Protein backbone atom coordinates (compact mmCIF):
# COMPACT_ATOMS: atom_id res chain seq x y z
CA MET A 1 22.70 11.72 -21.29
CA ARG A 2 19.88 12.61 -18.93
CA LEU A 3 20.58 13.04 -15.24
CA ARG A 4 18.43 10.07 -14.19
CA THR A 5 20.12 7.77 -16.71
CA ARG A 6 23.56 9.03 -15.70
CA LEU A 7 22.88 8.33 -12.04
CA LEU A 8 21.42 4.86 -12.67
CA SER A 9 24.44 3.87 -14.76
CA SER A 10 27.02 5.30 -12.37
CA SER A 11 29.04 3.11 -10.04
CA ALA A 12 28.38 5.69 -7.31
CA LEU A 13 24.80 4.44 -7.03
CA TRP A 14 25.37 0.69 -6.82
CA THR A 15 28.21 1.16 -4.33
CA ALA A 16 26.06 3.43 -2.12
CA PRO A 17 25.27 0.71 0.47
CA LEU A 18 29.01 0.24 1.00
CA TRP A 19 30.10 3.83 1.47
CA LEU A 20 26.98 4.87 3.36
CA GLY A 21 27.44 1.85 5.62
CA ILE A 22 31.02 2.92 6.33
CA VAL A 23 29.85 6.41 7.30
CA LEU A 24 27.14 5.18 9.65
CA PHE A 25 29.33 2.51 11.23
CA TYR A 26 32.31 4.75 11.87
CA TYR A 27 30.15 7.60 13.14
CA ALA A 28 28.41 5.35 15.64
CA TRP A 29 31.46 3.28 16.62
CA ALA A 30 34.69 5.23 16.12
CA LEU A 31 33.35 8.56 17.33
CA HIS A 32 31.08 7.33 20.13
CA SER A 33 33.07 4.39 21.51
CA VAL A 34 34.61 4.46 24.98
CA THR A 35 37.72 6.25 23.70
CA GLY A 36 36.01 8.10 20.84
CA THR A 37 35.99 11.82 20.30
CA PHE A 38 32.30 12.17 21.10
CA SER A 39 32.31 9.80 24.09
CA ARG A 40 33.16 12.40 26.74
CA PRO A 41 31.80 15.87 27.54
CA ARG A 42 34.10 18.60 26.26
CA ALA A 43 33.61 22.31 25.78
CA GLU A 44 34.75 21.88 22.16
CA LEU A 45 31.57 19.92 21.42
CA HIS A 46 29.71 23.22 21.78
CA TRP A 47 31.92 24.88 19.16
CA ALA A 48 30.92 24.21 15.54
CA ALA A 49 34.44 24.40 14.09
CA SER A 50 35.67 21.74 16.51
CA VAL A 51 32.62 19.55 15.95
CA VAL A 52 33.14 19.61 12.17
CA LEU A 53 36.80 18.61 12.42
CA ASP A 54 36.02 15.88 14.93
CA ALA A 55 33.15 14.52 12.84
CA THR A 56 35.16 14.23 9.62
CA GLU A 57 38.55 13.08 10.95
CA HIS A 58 37.98 9.38 10.21
CA PHE A 59 36.40 9.86 6.79
CA TYR A 60 39.00 11.64 4.66
CA ALA A 61 40.81 8.42 3.82
CA PHE A 62 37.58 6.68 2.85
CA ALA A 63 36.30 9.62 0.80
CA TYR A 64 39.51 10.05 -1.20
CA ALA A 65 39.89 6.31 -1.76
CA LEU A 66 36.29 6.09 -2.99
CA ALA A 67 36.80 9.08 -5.28
CA ALA A 68 39.94 7.60 -6.89
CA ALA A 69 38.48 4.09 -7.23
CA LEU A 70 35.16 5.16 -8.75
CA GLY A 71 36.95 7.67 -10.98
CA ALA A 72 39.08 4.85 -12.38
CA TRP A 73 36.03 2.61 -12.82
CA GLU A 74 34.11 5.27 -14.74
CA ALA A 75 37.16 5.95 -16.93
CA GLY A 76 37.35 2.28 -17.86
CA ARG A 77 33.65 2.26 -18.68
CA ILE A 78 33.73 5.21 -21.09
CA ARG A 79 36.96 3.96 -22.64
CA LYS A 80 35.36 0.59 -23.28
CA ASP A 81 32.30 2.26 -24.85
CA GLY A 82 34.50 4.50 -27.02
CA VAL A 83 33.06 7.69 -25.54
CA TRP A 84 36.47 9.17 -24.73
CA ASP A 85 37.53 9.03 -28.38
CA LEU A 86 34.46 10.71 -29.88
CA ALA A 87 34.83 13.40 -32.54
CA PRO A 88 36.82 16.50 -31.51
CA ALA A 89 33.62 18.53 -31.40
CA ARG A 90 32.80 16.80 -28.10
CA SER A 91 34.86 18.34 -25.28
CA ARG A 92 36.70 15.79 -23.19
CA TYR A 93 36.27 18.04 -20.16
CA ARG A 94 32.52 17.97 -20.62
CA ILE A 95 32.60 14.20 -20.97
CA ALA A 96 34.69 13.83 -17.80
CA ALA A 97 32.52 16.27 -15.85
CA GLY A 98 29.33 14.47 -16.77
CA VAL A 99 30.71 11.03 -15.95
CA LEU A 100 32.47 12.02 -12.73
CA ALA A 101 29.77 14.22 -11.18
CA PRO A 102 28.05 11.28 -9.38
CA THR A 103 31.44 10.05 -8.15
CA VAL A 104 32.31 13.45 -6.70
CA ALA A 105 28.87 13.65 -5.10
CA ALA A 106 29.20 10.20 -3.50
CA ALA A 107 32.68 10.80 -2.09
CA SER A 108 31.69 14.27 -0.89
CA LEU A 109 28.74 12.80 0.99
CA MET A 110 31.19 10.77 3.05
CA LEU A 111 32.27 14.11 4.54
CA VAL A 112 28.95 15.96 4.43
CA VAL A 113 26.82 13.27 6.09
CA PRO A 114 28.87 12.88 9.31
CA THR A 115 29.20 16.66 9.53
CA ALA A 116 25.43 17.09 9.31
CA MET A 117 24.84 14.30 11.84
CA ALA A 118 27.26 15.86 14.35
CA LEU A 119 25.80 19.34 13.97
CA VAL A 120 22.30 17.97 14.54
CA GLU A 121 23.47 15.90 17.52
CA PHE A 122 25.34 18.64 19.38
CA ARG A 123 23.56 21.72 18.01
CA PRO A 124 26.41 24.23 18.28
CA ALA A 125 25.94 27.81 17.14
CA LEU A 126 26.81 27.53 13.44
CA ASP A 127 29.12 29.90 11.60
CA PRO A 128 29.97 29.45 7.88
CA ARG A 129 33.68 29.46 8.78
CA ALA A 130 33.17 26.19 10.64
CA LEU A 131 32.20 24.45 7.37
CA LEU A 132 35.27 25.51 5.38
CA PRO A 133 37.20 22.27 6.17
CA VAL A 134 34.40 20.30 4.52
CA ALA A 135 34.65 22.53 1.44
CA VAL A 136 38.40 21.84 1.35
CA GLY A 137 37.71 18.12 1.65
CA ILE A 138 35.31 18.29 -1.31
CA ALA A 139 37.97 20.10 -3.35
CA LEU A 140 40.41 17.27 -2.58
CA VAL A 141 37.73 14.73 -3.51
CA CYS A 142 37.62 16.36 -6.95
CA SER A 143 41.43 16.11 -7.19
CA PHE A 144 41.48 12.41 -6.27
CA THR A 145 38.63 11.75 -8.71
CA VAL A 146 40.61 13.35 -11.54
CA ALA A 147 43.72 11.35 -10.63
CA GLY A 148 41.75 8.09 -10.50
CA PHE A 149 40.05 8.88 -13.80
CA ALA A 150 43.44 9.48 -15.47
CA ILE A 151 44.76 6.15 -14.20
CA GLY A 152 41.60 4.38 -15.30
CA LEU A 153 42.14 5.62 -18.86
CA ARG A 154 45.43 3.71 -18.99
CA VAL A 155 44.94 0.72 -16.68
CA PRO A 156 42.09 -1.82 -16.88
CA ARG A 157 39.39 -0.80 -14.40
CA ALA A 158 39.23 -4.26 -12.82
CA ILE A 159 42.82 -3.71 -11.70
CA ALA A 160 42.92 0.07 -11.17
CA ALA A 161 39.77 0.45 -9.08
CA PRO A 162 40.57 -2.02 -6.26
CA LEU A 163 44.23 -0.98 -6.16
CA LEU A 164 43.30 2.70 -5.90
CA ALA A 165 40.70 1.95 -3.22
CA ALA A 166 43.19 0.11 -1.04
CA GLY A 167 46.22 2.23 -1.88
CA GLY A 168 44.36 5.53 -1.58
CA TRP A 169 42.99 4.62 1.83
CA TYR A 170 46.40 3.46 3.07
CA LEU A 171 48.16 6.54 1.68
CA VAL A 172 45.83 8.95 3.47
CA ALA A 173 45.02 7.04 6.65
CA PHE A 174 48.62 6.39 7.63
CA THR A 175 49.77 9.98 7.16
CA VAL A 176 48.59 10.67 10.71
CA THR A 177 51.36 8.42 12.00
CA TYR A 178 54.05 10.60 10.46
CA ALA A 179 55.73 12.76 13.05
CA GLU A 180 58.34 13.78 10.49
CA PRO A 181 57.64 14.84 7.84
CA ALA A 182 54.36 16.37 8.95
CA TRP A 183 53.20 17.74 5.60
CA PRO A 184 51.47 14.58 4.24
CA GLY A 185 48.96 14.61 7.09
CA ASN A 186 48.48 18.37 6.95
CA VAL A 187 47.68 18.47 3.23
CA LEU A 188 45.56 15.31 3.09
CA THR A 189 43.70 14.53 6.30
CA GLN A 190 42.97 17.71 8.28
CA ARG A 191 42.90 15.57 11.44
CA TRP A 192 43.54 18.59 13.58
CA TYR A 193 42.43 19.77 16.99
CA LEU A 194 40.85 23.17 17.55
CA ASP A 195 40.33 24.78 20.91
CA PHE A 196 36.97 26.21 21.82
CA GLY A 197 36.64 29.62 20.17
CA ALA A 198 39.24 29.01 17.43
CA TYR A 199 38.99 28.94 13.63
CA LEU A 200 41.49 27.68 11.08
CA LYS A 201 43.48 30.38 9.33
CA GLY A 202 43.38 30.77 5.57
CA GLU A 203 46.72 29.08 4.94
CA ALA A 204 45.58 25.91 6.71
CA LEU A 205 42.69 25.69 4.24
CA LEU A 206 44.60 26.86 1.18
CA MET A 207 47.68 24.60 1.25
CA PRO A 208 45.80 21.28 0.78
CA VAL A 209 43.91 22.78 -2.17
CA LEU A 210 47.10 24.06 -3.78
CA PHE A 211 48.90 20.76 -3.31
CA CYS A 212 46.23 18.41 -4.61
CA GLY A 213 44.51 20.87 -6.95
CA GLY A 214 47.76 21.71 -8.73
CA ILE A 215 48.47 18.05 -9.42
CA ALA A 216 44.91 17.43 -10.61
CA ALA A 217 45.00 20.47 -12.92
CA ALA A 218 48.28 19.30 -14.45
CA ILE A 219 46.73 15.89 -15.12
CA ALA A 220 43.67 17.45 -16.74
CA VAL A 221 45.80 19.54 -19.11
CA TRP A 222 46.87 16.29 -20.78
CA TRP A 223 43.31 15.82 -22.03
CA ILE A 224 43.56 18.81 -24.36
CA ARG A 225 43.48 17.65 -27.97
CA GLY A 226 42.60 20.72 -30.04
CA PRO A 227 45.80 22.77 -30.59
CA ALA A 228 48.86 21.81 -32.58
CA PRO A 229 51.21 19.22 -31.00
CA PHE A 230 53.79 21.87 -30.11
CA VAL A 231 51.19 23.94 -28.26
CA ARG A 232 49.91 20.90 -26.38
CA TYR A 233 53.45 19.99 -25.38
CA ALA A 234 54.13 23.54 -24.15
CA LEU A 235 50.91 23.63 -22.13
CA ARG A 236 51.64 20.28 -20.54
CA THR A 237 55.18 21.31 -19.65
CA VAL A 238 54.03 24.56 -18.05
CA ALA A 239 51.26 22.78 -16.13
CA ALA A 240 53.67 20.15 -14.83
CA ALA A 241 56.17 22.80 -13.73
CA LEU A 242 53.44 24.78 -11.94
CA ALA A 243 52.17 21.63 -10.24
CA VAL A 244 55.66 20.84 -8.94
CA LEU A 245 56.09 24.43 -7.74
CA LEU A 246 52.73 24.51 -5.96
CA ALA A 247 53.32 21.10 -4.39
CA THR A 248 56.75 22.12 -3.14
CA VAL A 249 55.60 25.43 -1.68
CA SER A 250 52.46 24.05 -0.05
CA ALA A 251 54.23 20.99 1.37
CA GLY A 252 56.97 23.17 2.82
CA ALA A 253 54.46 25.48 4.44
CA ALA A 254 52.38 22.58 5.81
CA ASN A 255 55.45 20.83 7.17
CA ALA A 256 56.20 23.84 9.38
CA TRP A 257 52.90 23.41 11.24
CA SER A 258 53.88 20.10 12.83
CA ILE A 259 50.53 18.78 14.14
CA ASP A 260 49.12 22.19 15.11
CA PRO A 261 47.46 24.03 12.22
CA PRO A 262 47.51 27.83 11.95
CA ALA A 263 44.47 28.99 13.88
CA THR A 264 43.08 32.20 15.28
CA ALA A 265 41.51 32.13 18.75
CA GLY A 266 39.17 34.28 20.77
CA HIS A 267 36.02 34.11 18.63
CA ALA A 268 33.69 32.55 21.21
CA PRO A 269 31.03 34.95 22.50
CA GLU A 270 30.74 35.41 26.24
CA THR A 271 27.91 36.17 28.65
CA CYS A 272 28.50 38.45 31.63
CA THR A 273 26.66 39.26 34.83
CA GLY A 274 27.09 41.48 37.90
CA ARG A 275 29.34 44.36 38.82
CA LEU A 276 32.46 44.39 40.97
CA PRO A 277 33.18 41.77 39.96
CA THR A 278 31.67 41.34 36.53
CA VAL A 279 31.90 37.61 35.81
CA CYS A 280 31.95 36.42 32.20
CA MET A 281 31.70 32.88 30.83
CA ALA A 282 31.67 31.41 27.34
CA SER A 283 28.10 31.56 26.03
CA TYR A 284 28.07 28.23 24.18
CA ALA A 285 30.47 26.02 26.12
CA GLY A 286 27.84 24.13 28.07
CA ALA A 287 28.06 25.84 31.48
CA ALA A 288 26.86 29.42 30.94
CA ASP A 289 23.56 28.61 32.68
CA ARG A 290 25.61 28.30 35.90
CA LEU A 291 26.90 31.86 35.60
CA PRO A 292 24.91 33.35 38.54
CA GLN A 293 25.97 30.44 40.74
CA VAL A 294 29.61 30.86 39.68
CA ARG A 295 29.58 34.55 40.53
CA SER A 296 27.97 33.91 43.90
CA SER A 297 30.64 31.34 44.72
CA LEU A 298 33.43 33.72 43.73
CA VAL A 299 32.05 36.59 45.80
CA ALA A 300 31.35 34.37 48.80
CA THR A 301 34.86 32.90 48.69
CA LEU A 302 36.62 36.26 48.52
CA THR A 303 34.37 37.78 51.17
CA GLY A 304 35.04 34.85 53.50
CA LEU A 305 38.80 35.20 53.00
CA ARG A 306 38.63 38.88 53.82
CA GLU A 307 36.83 38.10 57.06
CA ALA A 308 39.53 35.53 57.85
CA GLY A 309 42.21 38.20 57.57
CA VAL A 310 43.47 37.62 54.04
CA GLU A 311 44.16 40.92 52.30
CA VAL A 312 42.47 40.48 48.94
CA ALA A 313 40.98 43.15 46.70
CA MET A 314 37.79 42.27 44.88
CA PRO A 315 38.69 42.22 41.15
CA ARG A 316 36.77 44.40 38.74
CA SER A 317 36.15 41.45 36.41
CA VAL A 318 36.66 37.70 36.25
CA ARG A 319 36.93 36.35 32.69
CA ASP A 320 36.61 32.80 31.43
CA THR A 321 39.62 31.42 29.57
CA GLU A 322 37.35 29.09 27.56
CA GLY A 323 37.26 30.33 23.98
CA ARG A 324 39.51 33.30 24.69
CA PRO A 325 43.25 33.73 24.18
CA GLY A 326 43.30 35.01 27.74
CA GLY A 327 45.79 37.29 29.34
CA ARG A 328 47.90 37.63 32.42
CA SER A 329 45.74 38.04 35.50
CA SER A 330 46.10 41.27 37.41
CA ASP A 331 44.59 42.64 40.61
CA ARG A 332 41.77 44.21 38.56
CA GLU A 333 41.12 41.43 36.06
CA TRP A 334 41.34 37.68 36.68
CA TRP A 335 41.41 34.99 34.02
CA LEU A 336 40.13 31.62 35.27
CA PRO A 337 39.00 28.40 33.50
CA LEU A 338 35.47 28.82 34.83
CA THR A 339 33.68 26.65 32.26
CA ARG A 340 35.97 23.68 32.84
CA GLN A 341 35.73 24.04 36.62
CA VAL A 342 31.95 23.88 36.92
CA ASP A 343 30.44 20.46 37.50
CA ARG A 344 27.79 20.40 34.79
CA ASN A 345 25.84 17.58 36.41
CA ASP A 346 25.03 19.15 39.77
CA GLY A 347 26.54 22.61 39.37
CA ARG A 348 29.11 22.24 42.16
CA THR A 349 31.68 25.03 42.08
CA VAL A 350 34.36 23.72 44.42
CA TYR A 351 37.08 24.17 41.79
CA VAL A 352 35.87 27.68 41.01
CA ARG A 353 36.20 28.51 44.70
CA TYR A 354 39.59 26.81 44.74
CA SER A 355 40.87 28.95 41.87
CA ALA A 356 39.56 32.10 43.54
CA ALA A 357 41.29 31.18 46.80
CA MET A 358 44.61 30.59 45.06
CA MET A 359 44.28 33.90 43.18
CA ALA A 360 43.83 35.59 46.55
CA VAL A 361 47.28 34.43 47.69
CA ARG A 362 49.64 37.27 46.72
CA PHE A 363 53.32 36.78 47.42
CA PRO A 364 55.52 39.88 47.67
CA CYS A 365 57.74 38.39 44.94
CA ARG A 366 57.47 36.15 41.94
CA LEU A 367 58.12 32.58 42.95
CA PRO A 368 60.17 30.25 40.71
CA ASP A 369 58.35 28.31 38.00
CA SER A 370 59.84 25.01 39.24
CA PHE A 371 61.14 23.58 42.48
CA GLY A 372 64.69 23.29 41.18
CA ALA A 373 64.88 26.96 40.16
CA ALA A 374 64.70 28.21 43.77
CA LYS A 375 67.71 29.28 45.80
CA GLU A 376 66.51 27.15 48.70
CA PRO A 377 63.88 24.39 48.09
CA ALA A 378 62.67 24.77 51.67
CA TYR A 379 60.55 27.70 50.46
CA ILE A 380 57.99 25.11 49.35
CA VAL A 381 57.00 24.41 52.95
CA ASN A 382 56.31 28.05 53.79
CA ALA A 383 54.63 28.87 50.49
CA ASP A 384 52.36 25.84 50.51
CA ALA A 385 51.58 26.16 54.22
CA ALA A 386 50.27 29.67 53.50
CA LYS A 387 48.26 28.40 50.53
CA LEU A 388 46.85 25.48 52.51
CA TRP A 389 45.81 27.83 55.30
CA VAL A 390 43.93 29.98 52.76
CA ALA A 391 42.43 26.86 51.15
CA ARG A 392 41.16 25.68 54.54
CA ARG A 393 39.59 29.10 55.16
CA ALA A 394 37.76 28.73 51.83
CA GLY A 395 36.86 25.07 52.39
CA VAL A 396 38.79 23.87 49.33
CA GLN A 397 41.72 22.10 50.95
CA GLU A 398 40.92 18.80 49.20
CA PRO A 399 41.59 19.99 45.62
CA PHE A 400 44.67 21.88 46.81
CA LEU A 401 46.16 18.81 48.52
CA LYS A 402 45.27 16.57 45.60
CA TRP A 403 47.08 18.88 43.20
CA ARG A 404 50.10 19.31 45.45
CA GLU A 405 50.47 15.60 46.13
CA SER A 406 50.88 15.05 42.39
CA GLN A 407 53.46 17.85 42.25
CA TYR A 408 55.45 16.52 45.20
CA GLN A 409 56.22 13.34 43.28
CA GLU A 410 59.06 15.32 41.70
CA LEU A 411 60.72 15.58 45.13
CA GLU A 412 62.75 12.84 46.77
CA ASN A 413 61.16 13.62 50.16
CA GLY A 414 57.69 14.54 48.90
CA ASP A 415 55.87 12.78 51.74
CA GLU A 416 57.94 14.61 54.36
CA VAL A 417 57.29 17.96 52.70
CA LEU A 418 53.55 17.32 52.57
CA ALA A 419 53.48 16.33 56.25
CA LYS A 420 55.39 19.47 57.20
CA VAL A 421 53.05 21.69 55.16
CA LYS A 422 50.00 20.20 56.89
CA GLU A 423 51.63 20.54 60.31
CA ARG A 424 52.43 24.25 59.83
CA ALA A 425 48.96 25.07 58.49
CA GLU A 426 47.23 23.20 61.33
CA SER A 427 49.42 24.81 63.98
CA ALA A 428 48.54 28.25 62.57
CA GLU A 429 44.85 27.51 63.02
CA ARG A 430 45.38 27.14 66.76
CA LEU A 431 46.54 30.76 67.00
CA ARG A 432 44.31 33.71 67.76
CA ARG A 433 42.71 35.35 64.75
CA ASP A 434 45.05 38.38 64.72
CA GLU A 435 48.04 36.08 65.20
CA GLN A 436 46.94 33.94 62.24
CA LYS A 437 46.97 37.01 60.03
CA GLU A 438 50.50 37.89 61.18
CA TRP A 439 51.61 34.29 60.69
CA TYR A 440 50.23 34.32 57.13
CA GLY A 441 52.21 37.47 56.28
CA ARG A 442 55.42 36.01 57.71
CA GLU A 443 54.99 32.79 55.70
CA LEU A 444 54.63 34.73 52.46
CA ALA A 445 57.72 36.83 53.21
CA LYS A 446 59.83 33.85 54.30
CA ALA A 447 58.87 31.87 51.19
CA CYS A 448 60.08 34.75 49.01
CA ARG A 449 63.31 35.13 50.97
CA LEU A 450 64.14 31.42 50.63
CA ALA A 451 63.12 31.17 46.99
CA THR A 452 64.93 34.25 45.71
CA GLY A 453 67.76 34.66 48.22
CA ARG A 454 66.71 38.27 48.81
CA PRO A 455 64.58 39.87 51.51
CA ALA A 456 60.95 40.22 50.54
CA PRO A 457 60.01 43.80 49.55
């Protein structure tokens, strides 16, 4: 059968308005609505791997349901026409491939079209690794098509097709609601989240293919009709056993991921400027054009704190945590969320200056990670009074107080603590400049003594 004739006779063509309409509607509504993935600015929308996952998350259920339903419909058609039972010289695999090719193409387009639209809309720097989830989705489309075709050979297509369309969509769409077990969602939907600069690892891409591909291959083995009955039986038994083994192994591996797939981070390129400090930001996260302004704000903040009497060493480098696994900040290298802290509308850098000011506060001990872990909770007043004094010197007291007010909600007397912190910081500002510096040092030491129960070194 010629390609043109095959396409014109395929159910994939006359159902095109339906499945293309679903793609366009969901892309415009589900992804761009008020709560949609594409409705708010995020650094991940400048990272191709994240854009691809976000663009396809709503379409796996539709694509697999379409593949199964059209596969069943095409099976019923060739069974009715007697094509499936032609002479043995005609390979059943060739017959199935020719009939199902338009179905696979149609269902695959439900993943390819939204991916292409998102890449054109957001124009991230494209890497072939970002497109691998779509390739996995197409492989699963083939598996669902084979399964639907097999059912359509046994069940009347008027019954099989609508049941597979509804059941296939329900089976896949509702896997995302499973907290336990997690493997159905991880091998069927790929509705995952990737940080900026991350790619999926090989096992995240391989397990869905092994699970669904193994089952589809076992189904296809049943179409063999050439060898002797004993050989066919042996092949079918081996194929079924392998399918069960692959499904068990892949489901077990996928279940261990919970909702976080195996991923490798730190692939985002960065752009750097200046010396002492060298400031680096993610190149494609939407704020790299503010890099000179960010560096100027950092230098100005640290210089101003030095003049105010805060002992702070200028770091050798300041690195952006966006797209990088990051590290523990040291005196020589700071890691700050620079991209997320720049206002991309007007370029304001108040939160960049705030982070720099807080990095400049160096206690002579390591403070507890939580209020309750301290020997004496009163350390909060001294520690935060010192931080507020530094924040006021840098002109970033508003973000500091806003953050601390939210933290103080954990305390029974949060309002009293906040008032005391403000009172101590304001009283320090009435001292002479040299006295303020001495006061700042005493506050740091006293906070450590109260928090740890030991004199500050």
